[in-house]
Amino acid sequence: MLIGNKIDKSQRVVSRETGERLARDYEVSFIETSAKTSQNVELAFMATAQALLDKELTRKTQHNGHFTLNDTFKMSRLSSINHNRDSYNNTTNSSKASGRCCY
């Protein structure tokens, strides 16, 4: 996951487009945050946690072919994280089309 920070700054060192392009090149997800305004900070942490869980669950499946009850609980919690991440991505894409930034 690639996380761009300081999106509250008027003069940015790295543009959103550059961040998105780099994330595509490395085949990772991309999100922008602002620690100053807290915009998308929690979402970035949740998406990172989800990616780590996904990686662990994939590793377990490849090694023993089954999930534990705890794994099943973790996966059920992931659906709300996916929804939040998808909502962010849809907002970002519609913002680009309208010329607005972020929200």
N, C-alpha and C. Protein backbone atom coordinates (compact mmCIF):
# COMPACT_ATOMS: atom_id res chain seq x y z
N MET A 1 0.84 -1.16 0.00
CA MET A 1 0.00 0.00 0.00
C MET A 1 0.90 1.23 0.00
N LEU A 2 0.53 2.19 -0.82
CA LEU A 2 1.24 3.46 -0.89
C LEU A 2 0.32 4.52 -0.29
N ILE A 3 0.84 5.25 0.70
CA ILE A 3 0.05 6.27 1.39
C ILE A 3 0.70 7.62 1.18
N GLY A 4 -0.07 8.53 0.56
CA GLY A 4 0.39 9.90 0.40
C GLY A 4 -0.12 10.73 1.56
N ASN A 5 0.75 11.53 2.16
CA ASN A 5 0.37 12.33 3.32
C ASN A 5 0.46 13.81 2.98
N LYS A 6 -0.05 14.62 3.88
CA LYS A 6 -0.03 16.08 3.78
C LYS A 6 -0.89 16.59 2.62
N ILE A 7 -2.04 15.96 2.40
CA ILE A 7 -2.91 16.42 1.32
C ILE A 7 -3.59 17.73 1.66
N ASP A 8 -3.39 18.21 2.91
CA ASP A 8 -3.95 19.49 3.30
C ASP A 8 -3.10 20.66 2.82
N LYS A 9 -1.90 20.39 2.34
CA LYS A 9 -0.99 21.44 1.86
C LYS A 9 -1.43 21.94 0.49
N SER A 10 -1.33 23.25 0.29
CA SER A 10 -1.70 23.80 -1.02
C SER A 10 -0.63 23.51 -2.07
N GLN A 11 0.62 23.54 -1.67
CA GLN A 11 1.70 23.20 -2.60
C GLN A 11 2.21 21.81 -2.24
N ARG A 12 1.97 20.89 -3.14
CA ARG A 12 2.32 19.50 -2.87
C ARG A 12 3.62 19.14 -3.56
N VAL A 13 4.40 18.30 -2.90
CA VAL A 13 5.66 17.82 -3.46
C VAL A 13 5.38 16.73 -4.50
N VAL A 14 4.41 15.86 -4.20
CA VAL A 14 4.04 14.77 -5.10
C VAL A 14 2.55 14.90 -5.40
N SER A 15 2.19 14.92 -6.66
CA SER A 15 0.79 15.05 -7.04
C SER A 15 0.05 13.74 -6.82
N ARG A 16 -1.28 13.84 -6.75
CA ARG A 16 -2.11 12.64 -6.63
C ARG A 16 -1.86 11.72 -7.83
N GLU A 17 -1.77 12.30 -9.01
CA GLU A 17 -1.58 11.49 -10.21
C GLU A 17 -0.27 10.71 -10.16
N THR A 18 0.80 11.34 -9.65
CA THR A 18 2.09 10.66 -9.54
C THR A 18 1.99 9.50 -8.55
N GLY A 19 1.32 9.73 -7.43
CA GLY A 19 1.13 8.68 -6.44
C GLY A 19 0.34 7.52 -7.01
N GLU A 20 -0.74 7.84 -7.72
CA GLU A 20 -1.57 6.79 -8.32
C GLU A 20 -0.78 6.00 -9.36
N ARG A 21 0.01 6.69 -10.15
CA ARG A 21 0.81 6.02 -11.18
C ARG A 21 1.84 5.09 -10.54
N LEU A 22 2.51 5.55 -9.49
CA LEU A 22 3.50 4.74 -8.81
C LEU A 22 2.84 3.51 -8.17
N ALA A 23 1.68 3.70 -7.58
CA ALA A 23 0.96 2.57 -6.98
C ALA A 23 0.57 1.55 -8.05
N ARG A 24 0.12 2.03 -9.21
CA ARG A 24 -0.20 1.11 -10.31
C ARG A 24 1.04 0.34 -10.77
N ASP A 25 2.16 1.07 -10.89
CA ASP A 25 3.41 0.43 -11.33
C ASP A 25 3.83 -0.69 -10.38
N TYR A 26 3.64 -0.48 -9.08
CA TYR A 26 4.02 -1.48 -8.08
C TYR A 26 2.88 -2.43 -7.73
N GLU A 27 1.74 -2.23 -8.38
CA GLU A 27 0.55 -3.05 -8.16
C GLU A 27 0.14 -3.09 -6.69
N VAL A 28 0.07 -1.90 -6.09
CA VAL A 28 -0.39 -1.75 -4.71
C VAL A 28 -1.52 -0.73 -4.69
N SER A 29 -2.27 -0.72 -3.60
CA SER A 29 -3.34 0.27 -3.48
C SER A 29 -2.75 1.61 -3.07
N PHE A 30 -3.53 2.66 -3.27
CA PHE A 30 -3.08 4.03 -2.99
C PHE A 30 -4.17 4.77 -2.24
N ILE A 31 -3.75 5.52 -1.23
CA ILE A 31 -4.67 6.37 -0.49
C ILE A 31 -3.91 7.62 -0.06
N GLU A 32 -4.62 8.72 0.01
CA GLU A 32 -4.02 9.97 0.49
C GLU A 32 -4.60 10.32 1.85
N THR A 33 -3.75 10.88 2.71
CA THR A 33 -4.17 11.23 4.06
C THR A 33 -3.66 12.61 4.45
N SER A 34 -4.20 13.09 5.56
CA SER A 34 -3.69 14.29 6.20
C SER A 34 -3.66 14.04 7.70
N ALA A 35 -2.48 14.01 8.26
CA ALA A 35 -2.36 13.85 9.71
C ALA A 35 -2.89 15.11 10.41
N LYS A 36 -2.74 16.25 9.76
CA LYS A 36 -3.18 17.51 10.36
C LYS A 36 -4.70 17.55 10.54
N THR A 37 -5.45 17.13 9.51
CA THR A 37 -6.91 17.17 9.58
C THR A 37 -7.52 15.81 9.90
N SER A 38 -6.70 14.78 9.99
CA SER A 38 -7.11 13.39 10.23
C SER A 38 -7.85 12.77 9.04
N GLN A 39 -7.87 13.43 7.92
CA GLN A 39 -8.58 12.91 6.75
C GLN A 39 -7.96 11.59 6.29
N ASN A 40 -8.77 10.54 6.29
CA ASN A 40 -8.42 9.20 5.80
C ASN A 40 -7.34 8.49 6.61
N VAL A 41 -6.95 9.03 7.77
CA VAL A 41 -5.90 8.39 8.57
C VAL A 41 -6.39 7.05 9.09
N GLU A 42 -7.56 7.02 9.70
CA GLU A 42 -8.08 5.77 10.22
C GLU A 42 -8.30 4.76 9.09
N LEU A 43 -8.82 5.23 7.98
CA LEU A 43 -9.04 4.35 6.83
C LEU A 43 -7.72 3.75 6.34
N ALA A 44 -6.65 4.54 6.33
CA ALA A 44 -5.35 4.03 5.90
C ALA A 44 -4.85 2.93 6.84
N PHE A 45 -5.02 3.14 8.15
CA PHE A 45 -4.62 2.11 9.10
C PHE A 45 -5.46 0.85 8.94
N MET A 46 -6.76 1.02 8.77
CA MET A 46 -7.64 -0.13 8.61
C MET A 46 -7.33 -0.89 7.33
N ALA A 47 -7.06 -0.19 6.25
CA ALA A 47 -6.74 -0.85 4.98
C ALA A 47 -5.41 -1.58 5.08
N THR A 48 -4.45 -1.00 5.79
CA THR A 48 -3.16 -1.66 6.01
C THR A 48 -3.36 -2.94 6.83
N ALA A 49 -4.16 -2.83 7.89
CA ALA A 49 -4.45 -4.01 8.72
C ALA A 49 -5.13 -5.10 7.90
N GLN A 50 -6.06 -4.70 7.04
CA GLN A 50 -6.74 -5.66 6.19
C GLN A 50 -5.76 -6.36 5.27
N ALA A 51 -4.85 -5.61 4.67
CA ALA A 51 -3.87 -6.20 3.77
C ALA A 51 -3.00 -7.22 4.50
N LEU A 52 -2.62 -6.91 5.74
CA LEU A 52 -1.83 -7.85 6.52
C LEU A 52 -2.62 -9.11 6.86
N LEU A 53 -3.89 -8.94 7.23
CA LEU A 53 -4.74 -10.10 7.51
C LEU A 53 -4.93 -10.96 6.27
N ASP A 54 -5.19 -10.30 5.14
CA ASP A 54 -5.35 -11.04 3.89
C ASP A 54 -4.11 -11.87 3.58
N LYS A 55 -2.96 -11.27 3.77
CA LYS A 55 -1.70 -11.96 3.50
C LYS A 55 -1.55 -13.16 4.42
N GLU A 56 -1.86 -12.97 5.70
CA GLU A 56 -1.75 -14.07 6.67
C GLU A 56 -2.74 -15.18 6.35
N LEU A 57 -3.97 -14.82 6.02
CA LEU A 57 -4.98 -15.84 5.71
C LEU A 57 -4.60 -16.61 4.44
N THR A 58 -4.05 -15.93 3.48
CA THR A 58 -3.61 -16.59 2.25
C THR A 58 -2.47 -17.56 2.56
N ARG A 59 -1.55 -17.12 3.40
CA ARG A 59 -0.43 -17.98 3.78
C ARG A 59 -0.92 -19.23 4.50
N LYS A 60 -1.87 -19.06 5.42
CA LYS A 60 -2.40 -20.21 6.16
C LYS A 60 -3.10 -21.19 5.21
N THR A 61 -3.87 -20.65 4.28
CA THR A 61 -4.61 -21.50 3.34
C THR A 61 -3.64 -22.30 2.48
N GLN A 62 -2.58 -21.66 2.05
CA GLN A 62 -1.62 -22.35 1.19
C GLN A 62 -0.88 -23.46 1.95
N HIS A 63 -0.71 -23.27 3.28
CA HIS A 63 0.04 -24.26 4.05
C HIS A 63 -0.80 -25.43 4.52
N ASN A 64 -2.01 -25.16 4.98
CA ASN A 64 -2.76 -26.29 5.53
C ASN A 64 -4.16 -26.47 4.95
N GLY A 65 -4.57 -25.59 4.08
CA GLY A 65 -5.81 -25.78 3.36
C GLY A 65 -7.09 -25.54 4.14
N HIS A 66 -7.02 -25.05 5.37
CA HIS A 66 -8.26 -24.77 6.10
C HIS A 66 -8.09 -23.55 7.02
N PHE A 67 -9.22 -23.00 7.41
CA PHE A 67 -9.26 -21.85 8.29
C PHE A 67 -9.68 -22.27 9.69
N THR A 68 -9.25 -21.51 10.67
CA THR A 68 -9.72 -21.71 12.04
C THR A 68 -10.95 -20.84 12.26
N LEU A 69 -11.63 -21.03 13.38
CA LEU A 69 -12.77 -20.19 13.72
C LEU A 69 -12.33 -18.74 13.86
N ASN A 70 -11.16 -18.51 14.42
CA ASN A 70 -10.63 -17.16 14.55
C ASN A 70 -10.41 -16.51 13.18
N ASP A 71 -9.92 -17.28 12.22
CA ASP A 71 -9.74 -16.77 10.86
C ASP A 71 -11.07 -16.35 10.25
N THR A 72 -12.09 -17.15 10.45
CA THR A 72 -13.42 -16.85 9.93
C THR A 72 -13.94 -15.55 10.53
N PHE A 73 -13.73 -15.34 11.83
CA PHE A 73 -14.14 -14.10 12.48
C PHE A 73 -13.41 -12.91 11.87
N LYS A 74 -12.11 -13.05 11.65
CA LYS A 74 -11.32 -11.96 11.06
C LYS A 74 -11.86 -11.61 9.67
N MET A 75 -12.19 -12.63 8.88
CA MET A 75 -12.68 -12.37 7.53
C MET A 75 -14.02 -11.66 7.56
N SER A 76 -14.88 -11.98 8.54
CA SER A 76 -16.18 -11.31 8.60
C SER A 76 -16.00 -9.83 8.93
N ARG A 77 -14.99 -9.50 9.69
CA ARG A 77 -14.72 -8.10 10.03
C ARG A 77 -14.16 -7.34 8.83
N LEU A 78 -13.56 -8.04 7.89
CA LEU A 78 -12.95 -7.39 6.73
C LEU A 78 -13.97 -6.77 5.80
N SER A 79 -15.18 -7.28 5.78
CA SER A 79 -16.17 -6.75 4.83
C SER A 79 -16.46 -5.28 5.09
N SER A 80 -16.49 -4.85 6.35
CA SER A 80 -16.73 -3.43 6.63
C SER A 80 -15.53 -2.59 6.23
N ILE A 81 -14.33 -3.13 6.38
CA ILE A 81 -13.13 -2.40 5.95
C ILE A 81 -13.14 -2.26 4.44
N ASN A 82 -13.49 -3.33 3.72
CA ASN A 82 -13.58 -3.26 2.26
C ASN A 82 -14.56 -2.21 1.83
N HIS A 83 -15.71 -2.14 2.50
CA HIS A 83 -16.72 -1.16 2.15
C HIS A 83 -16.17 0.26 2.32
N ASN A 84 -15.48 0.52 3.43
CA ASN A 84 -14.91 1.86 3.66
C ASN A 84 -13.86 2.20 2.62
N ARG A 85 -13.00 1.24 2.28
CA ARG A 85 -11.98 1.50 1.28
C ARG A 85 -12.60 1.74 -0.09
N ASP A 86 -13.59 0.93 -0.45
CA ASP A 86 -14.25 1.10 -1.74
C ASP A 86 -14.98 2.44 -1.81
N SER A 87 -15.57 2.86 -0.70
CA SER A 87 -16.24 4.16 -0.66
C SER A 87 -15.24 5.28 -0.91
N TYR A 88 -14.05 5.17 -0.31
CA TYR A 88 -13.00 6.17 -0.54
C TYR A 88 -12.60 6.20 -2.01
N ASN A 89 -12.36 5.02 -2.57
CA ASN A 89 -11.93 4.96 -3.97
C ASN A 89 -13.00 5.51 -4.90
N ASN A 90 -14.28 5.22 -4.65
CA ASN A 90 -15.35 5.76 -5.48
C ASN A 90 -15.45 7.26 -5.35
N THR A 91 -15.27 7.79 -4.15
CA THR A 91 -15.29 9.24 -3.93
C THR A 91 -14.14 9.89 -4.66
N THR A 92 -12.96 9.27 -4.59
CA THR A 92 -11.78 9.82 -5.25
C THR A 92 -12.01 9.88 -6.75
N ASN A 93 -12.53 8.80 -7.31
CA ASN A 93 -12.75 8.77 -8.76
C ASN A 93 -13.81 9.78 -9.19
N SER A 94 -14.89 9.94 -8.44
CA SER A 94 -15.92 10.90 -8.81
C SER A 94 -15.43 12.32 -8.60
N SER A 95 -14.52 12.53 -7.63
CA SER A 95 -13.97 13.86 -7.40
C SER A 95 -13.12 14.29 -8.59
N LYS A 96 -12.38 13.34 -9.15
CA LYS A 96 -11.55 13.66 -10.32
C LYS A 96 -12.43 14.11 -11.47
N ALA A 97 -13.52 13.39 -11.68
CA ALA A 97 -14.40 13.70 -12.80
C ALA A 97 -15.03 15.08 -12.65
N SER A 98 -15.33 15.47 -11.40
CA SER A 98 -15.98 16.75 -11.20
C SER A 98 -14.99 17.89 -11.01
N GLY A 99 -13.68 17.56 -10.87
CA GLY A 99 -12.68 18.59 -10.68
C GLY A 99 -12.51 18.99 -9.23
N ARG A 100 -13.27 18.38 -8.33
CA ARG A 100 -13.13 18.68 -6.89
C ARG A 100 -12.05 17.78 -6.31
N CYS A 101 -11.50 18.22 -5.22
CA CYS A 101 -10.53 17.39 -4.52
C CYS A 101 -11.20 16.68 -3.35
N CYS A 102 -10.97 15.43 -3.26
CA CYS A 102 -11.21 14.57 -2.10
C CYS A 102 -12.66 14.33 -1.78
N TYR A 103 -13.44 15.28 -1.30
CA TYR A 103 -14.81 15.01 -0.88
C TYR A 103 -15.76 16.01 -1.45
